[in-house]
Amino acid sequence: MKHVLTGLVMCALVFAVPARAAQPSATPASQAADQKQLDQQIEKQQATVKQLQGDVAREEGKSHDTDAKLKQQDQAIAELQAQLKALGAAPQPKGH
């Protein structure tokens, strides 16, 4: 999931940079301003990617925890089924 999100952001940047470079700028001052704005957009995108990576890591952690709990429950069910089977196979005492 992290790689997909990173790939999407990189694709967006790859398409944005050439489109931005194709636009003619009038003066070096406007070029510097454009570059500054582009740098800010890149920083913003990188911050978003980091946040999304953190979200993915948290969700993966939750998933692993849930998986471990389910395995424990499966084991407990198997043990209870074995006990029930043993009780069913045990000879029944005769009542009065």
N, C-alpha and C. Protein backbone atom coordinates (compact mmCIF):
# COMPACT_ATOMS: atom_id res chain seq x y z
N MET A 1 0.84 -1.19 0.00
CA MET A 1 0.00 0.00 0.00
C MET A 1 0.88 1.25 0.00
N LYS A 2 1.96 1.23 0.78
CA LYS A 2 2.84 2.38 0.84
C LYS A 2 3.44 2.66 -0.54
N HIS A 3 3.82 1.60 -1.23
CA HIS A 3 4.45 1.76 -2.52
C HIS A 3 3.47 2.32 -3.54
N VAL A 4 2.23 1.93 -3.45
CA VAL A 4 1.21 2.43 -4.37
C VAL A 4 1.01 3.92 -4.17
N LEU A 5 0.90 4.34 -2.92
CA LEU A 5 0.70 5.77 -2.63
C LEU A 5 1.91 6.59 -3.06
N THR A 6 3.09 6.08 -2.78
CA THR A 6 4.30 6.78 -3.17
C THR A 6 4.38 6.87 -4.69
N GLY A 7 4.02 5.79 -5.36
CA GLY A 7 4.03 5.77 -6.82
C GLY A 7 3.07 6.79 -7.41
N LEU A 8 1.89 6.89 -6.81
CA LEU A 8 0.90 7.85 -7.29
C LEU A 8 1.40 9.28 -7.15
N VAL A 9 2.01 9.57 -6.02
CA VAL A 9 2.54 10.92 -5.80
C VAL A 9 3.67 11.22 -6.78
N MET A 10 4.54 10.25 -6.99
CA MET A 10 5.65 10.45 -7.92
C MET A 10 5.13 10.67 -9.34
N CYS A 11 4.11 9.90 -9.73
CA CYS A 11 3.51 10.09 -11.06
C CYS A 11 2.94 11.50 -11.20
N ALA A 12 2.27 11.95 -10.17
CA ALA A 12 1.70 13.30 -10.20
C ALA A 12 2.81 14.33 -10.37
N LEU A 13 3.90 14.14 -9.66
CA LEU A 13 5.01 15.08 -9.77
C LEU A 13 5.67 15.01 -11.15
N VAL A 14 5.80 13.80 -11.68
CA VAL A 14 6.42 13.63 -12.99
C VAL A 14 5.61 14.36 -14.06
N PHE A 15 4.28 14.30 -13.94
CA PHE A 15 3.46 14.99 -14.93
C PHE A 15 3.38 16.49 -14.66
N ALA A 16 3.47 16.89 -13.42
CA ALA A 16 3.35 18.30 -13.08
C ALA A 16 4.60 19.09 -13.45
N VAL A 17 5.77 18.51 -13.25
CA VAL A 17 7.02 19.24 -13.50
C VAL A 17 7.19 19.56 -14.98
N PRO A 18 7.05 18.61 -15.93
CA PRO A 18 7.20 18.99 -17.34
C PRO A 18 6.14 19.99 -17.80
N ALA A 19 4.92 19.85 -17.32
CA ALA A 19 3.87 20.80 -17.70
C ALA A 19 4.22 22.18 -17.20
N ARG A 20 4.76 22.23 -16.00
CA ARG A 20 5.15 23.51 -15.42
C ARG A 20 6.34 24.09 -16.18
N ALA A 21 7.28 23.23 -16.60
CA ALA A 21 8.46 23.69 -17.31
C ALA A 21 8.11 24.18 -18.71
N ALA A 22 7.06 23.66 -19.29
CA ALA A 22 6.66 24.04 -20.65
C ALA A 22 6.06 25.44 -20.69
N GLN A 23 5.61 25.94 -19.56
CA GLN A 23 5.01 27.27 -19.52
C GLN A 23 6.13 28.32 -19.53
N PRO A 24 6.06 29.24 -20.47
CA PRO A 24 7.10 30.27 -20.52
C PRO A 24 6.93 31.27 -19.37
N SER A 25 8.04 31.65 -18.78
CA SER A 25 8.02 32.66 -17.72
C SER A 25 8.61 33.95 -18.28
N ALA A 26 8.11 35.05 -17.79
CA ALA A 26 8.52 36.35 -18.32
C ALA A 26 9.88 36.79 -17.79
N THR A 27 10.09 36.65 -16.47
CA THR A 27 11.31 37.19 -15.88
C THR A 27 11.94 36.17 -14.95
N PRO A 28 13.23 36.37 -14.66
CA PRO A 28 13.87 35.48 -13.69
C PRO A 28 13.21 35.55 -12.31
N ALA A 29 12.67 36.70 -11.97
CA ALA A 29 11.99 36.84 -10.68
C ALA A 29 10.75 35.97 -10.63
N SER A 30 10.01 35.95 -11.73
CA SER A 30 8.80 35.11 -11.74
C SER A 30 9.20 33.64 -11.79
N GLN A 31 10.33 33.33 -12.42
CA GLN A 31 10.82 31.95 -12.43
C GLN A 31 11.16 31.51 -11.01
N ALA A 32 11.80 32.39 -10.26
CA ALA A 32 12.16 32.07 -8.88
C ALA A 32 10.90 31.87 -8.05
N ALA A 33 9.91 32.71 -8.26
CA ALA A 33 8.65 32.58 -7.52
C ALA A 33 7.95 31.28 -7.89
N ASP A 34 7.97 30.97 -9.19
CA ASP A 34 7.36 29.72 -9.65
C ASP A 34 8.08 28.52 -9.04
N GLN A 35 9.42 28.59 -9.00
CA GLN A 35 10.20 27.49 -8.43
C GLN A 35 9.90 27.35 -6.94
N LYS A 36 9.78 28.47 -6.27
CA LYS A 36 9.47 28.44 -4.84
C LYS A 36 8.10 27.81 -4.61
N GLN A 37 7.14 28.19 -5.43
CA GLN A 37 5.79 27.62 -5.31
C GLN A 37 5.82 26.13 -5.61
N LEU A 38 6.57 25.72 -6.62
CA LEU A 38 6.69 24.30 -6.96
C LEU A 38 7.35 23.53 -5.81
N ASP A 39 8.39 24.11 -5.22
CA ASP A 39 9.06 23.47 -4.08
C ASP A 39 8.10 23.30 -2.90
N GLN A 40 7.27 24.32 -2.68
CA GLN A 40 6.29 24.23 -1.59
C GLN A 40 5.27 23.14 -1.86
N GLN A 41 4.84 23.03 -3.12
CA GLN A 41 3.90 21.97 -3.48
C GLN A 41 4.52 20.59 -3.29
N ILE A 42 5.77 20.46 -3.66
CA ILE A 42 6.48 19.18 -3.48
C ILE A 42 6.58 18.84 -2.00
N GLU A 43 6.94 19.82 -1.18
CA GLU A 43 7.02 19.59 0.27
C GLU A 43 5.67 19.17 0.84
N LYS A 44 4.62 19.82 0.36
CA LYS A 44 3.27 19.49 0.82
C LYS A 44 2.92 18.05 0.42
N GLN A 45 3.25 17.69 -0.82
CA GLN A 45 2.99 16.33 -1.30
C GLN A 45 3.78 15.30 -0.47
N GLN A 46 5.03 15.62 -0.18
CA GLN A 46 5.86 14.71 0.61
C GLN A 46 5.30 14.55 2.03
N ALA A 47 4.81 15.63 2.60
CA ALA A 47 4.20 15.55 3.93
C ALA A 47 2.95 14.68 3.88
N THR A 48 2.17 14.81 2.82
CA THR A 48 0.98 13.98 2.66
C THR A 48 1.36 12.52 2.53
N VAL A 49 2.40 12.24 1.77
CA VAL A 49 2.87 10.86 1.60
C VAL A 49 3.29 10.29 2.94
N LYS A 50 4.04 11.05 3.72
CA LYS A 50 4.48 10.58 5.03
C LYS A 50 3.29 10.29 5.94
N GLN A 51 2.29 11.16 5.90
CA GLN A 51 1.10 10.96 6.73
C GLN A 51 0.38 9.70 6.29
N LEU A 52 0.24 9.52 5.00
CA LEU A 52 -0.44 8.32 4.48
C LEU A 52 0.35 7.05 4.83
N GLN A 53 1.66 7.13 4.77
CA GLN A 53 2.49 5.97 5.14
C GLN A 53 2.29 5.64 6.62
N GLY A 54 2.19 6.66 7.46
CA GLY A 54 1.93 6.43 8.88
C GLY A 54 0.57 5.80 9.09
N ASP A 55 -0.44 6.28 8.34
CA ASP A 55 -1.78 5.70 8.44
C ASP A 55 -1.77 4.23 8.03
N VAL A 56 -1.07 3.94 6.95
CA VAL A 56 -0.98 2.55 6.47
C VAL A 56 -0.29 1.68 7.52
N ALA A 57 0.79 2.18 8.11
CA ALA A 57 1.51 1.42 9.12
C ALA A 57 0.62 1.13 10.33
N ARG A 58 -0.17 2.12 10.74
CA ARG A 58 -1.09 1.91 11.88
C ARG A 58 -2.15 0.86 11.54
N GLU A 59 -2.69 0.95 10.35
CA GLU A 59 -3.71 -0.02 9.93
C GLU A 59 -3.12 -1.43 9.83
N GLU A 60 -1.88 -1.53 9.35
CA GLU A 60 -1.24 -2.83 9.28
C GLU A 60 -1.02 -3.39 10.68
N GLY A 61 -0.65 -2.52 11.61
CA GLY A 61 -0.48 -2.95 13.00
C GLY A 61 -1.79 -3.47 13.58
N LYS A 62 -2.87 -2.75 13.32
CA LYS A 62 -4.18 -3.20 13.80
C LYS A 62 -4.55 -4.54 13.18
N SER A 63 -4.25 -4.69 11.93
CA SER A 63 -4.56 -5.93 11.22
C SER A 63 -3.78 -7.11 11.83
N HIS A 64 -2.51 -6.88 12.13
CA HIS A 64 -1.70 -7.93 12.74
C HIS A 64 -2.23 -8.30 14.13
N ASP A 65 -2.63 -7.28 14.89
CA ASP A 65 -3.19 -7.53 16.23
C ASP A 65 -4.47 -8.34 16.14
N THR A 66 -5.33 -7.96 15.21
CA THR A 66 -6.59 -8.68 15.02
C THR A 66 -6.33 -10.11 14.59
N ASP A 67 -5.37 -10.30 13.72
CA ASP A 67 -5.02 -11.64 13.25
C ASP A 67 -4.54 -12.50 14.42
N ALA A 68 -3.71 -11.93 15.29
CA ALA A 68 -3.22 -12.68 16.45
C ALA A 68 -4.37 -13.07 17.38
N LYS A 69 -5.31 -12.15 17.59
CA LYS A 69 -6.47 -12.45 18.45
C LYS A 69 -7.31 -13.56 17.85
N LEU A 70 -7.51 -13.51 16.55
CA LEU A 70 -8.30 -14.55 15.89
C LEU A 70 -7.61 -15.91 16.00
N LYS A 71 -6.31 -15.94 15.88
CA LYS A 71 -5.58 -17.20 16.03
C LYS A 71 -5.74 -17.76 17.44
N GLN A 72 -5.69 -16.88 18.44
CA GLN A 72 -5.88 -17.31 19.82
C GLN A 72 -7.29 -17.86 20.02
N GLN A 73 -8.26 -17.20 19.44
CA GLN A 73 -9.65 -17.67 19.56
C GLN A 73 -9.83 -19.02 18.85
N ASP A 74 -9.21 -19.17 17.69
CA ASP A 74 -9.28 -20.45 16.98
C ASP A 74 -8.67 -21.57 17.81
N GLN A 75 -7.56 -21.27 18.48
CA GLN A 75 -6.91 -22.27 19.32
C GLN A 75 -7.80 -22.62 20.50
N ALA A 76 -8.42 -21.63 21.12
CA ALA A 76 -9.31 -21.89 22.26
C ALA A 76 -10.51 -22.73 21.81
N ILE A 77 -11.06 -22.43 20.64
CA ILE A 77 -12.19 -23.20 20.12
C ILE A 77 -11.77 -24.64 19.88
N ALA A 78 -10.59 -24.84 19.31
CA ALA A 78 -10.10 -26.19 19.04
C ALA A 78 -9.93 -26.98 20.35
N GLU A 79 -9.41 -26.30 21.37
CA GLU A 79 -9.24 -26.97 22.67
C GLU A 79 -10.59 -27.34 23.28
N LEU A 80 -11.56 -26.44 23.20
CA LEU A 80 -12.89 -26.72 23.73
C LEU A 80 -13.57 -27.86 22.96
N GLN A 81 -13.38 -27.89 21.66
CA GLN A 81 -13.95 -28.97 20.86
C GLN A 81 -13.31 -30.31 21.23
N ALA A 82 -12.01 -30.31 21.49
CA ALA A 82 -11.33 -31.54 21.90
C ALA A 82 -11.85 -32.01 23.26
N GLN A 83 -12.07 -31.06 24.18
CA GLN A 83 -12.62 -31.41 25.49
C GLN A 83 -14.03 -31.97 25.36
N LEU A 84 -14.83 -31.36 24.52
CA LEU A 84 -16.20 -31.82 24.30
C LEU A 84 -16.21 -33.22 23.69
N LYS A 85 -15.34 -33.44 22.77
CA LYS A 85 -15.24 -34.75 22.14
C LYS A 85 -14.79 -35.80 23.17
N ALA A 86 -13.85 -35.42 24.03
CA ALA A 86 -13.37 -36.35 25.07
C ALA A 86 -14.50 -36.67 26.05
N LEU A 87 -15.31 -35.69 26.39
CA LEU A 87 -16.44 -35.92 27.29
C LEU A 87 -17.48 -36.84 26.64
N GLY A 88 -17.68 -36.66 25.37
CA GLY A 88 -18.65 -37.48 24.66
C GLY A 88 -18.17 -38.91 24.52
N ALA A 89 -16.90 -39.13 24.45
CA ALA A 89 -16.33 -40.47 24.31
C ALA A 89 -16.15 -41.17 25.65
N ALA A 90 -16.16 -40.42 26.74
CA ALA A 90 -15.96 -41.02 28.07
C ALA A 90 -17.19 -41.86 28.41
N PRO A 91 -16.95 -43.00 29.13
CA PRO A 91 -18.09 -43.84 29.52
C PRO A 91 -19.00 -43.09 30.49
N GLN A 92 -20.29 -43.19 30.26
CA GLN A 92 -21.27 -42.51 31.09
C GLN A 92 -21.57 -43.34 32.33
N PRO A 93 -21.53 -42.73 33.50
CA PRO A 93 -21.86 -43.49 34.72
C PRO A 93 -23.34 -43.84 34.73
N LYS A 94 -23.65 -45.03 35.22
CA LYS A 94 -25.05 -45.47 35.27
C LYS A 94 -25.71 -44.86 36.48
N GLY A 95 -26.86 -44.30 36.27
CA GLY A 95 -27.62 -43.66 37.35
C GLY A 95 -28.60 -44.62 37.98
N HIS A 96 -29.19 -44.29 39.10
CA HIS A 96 -30.16 -45.14 39.79
C HIS A 96 -31.47 -45.10 39.17
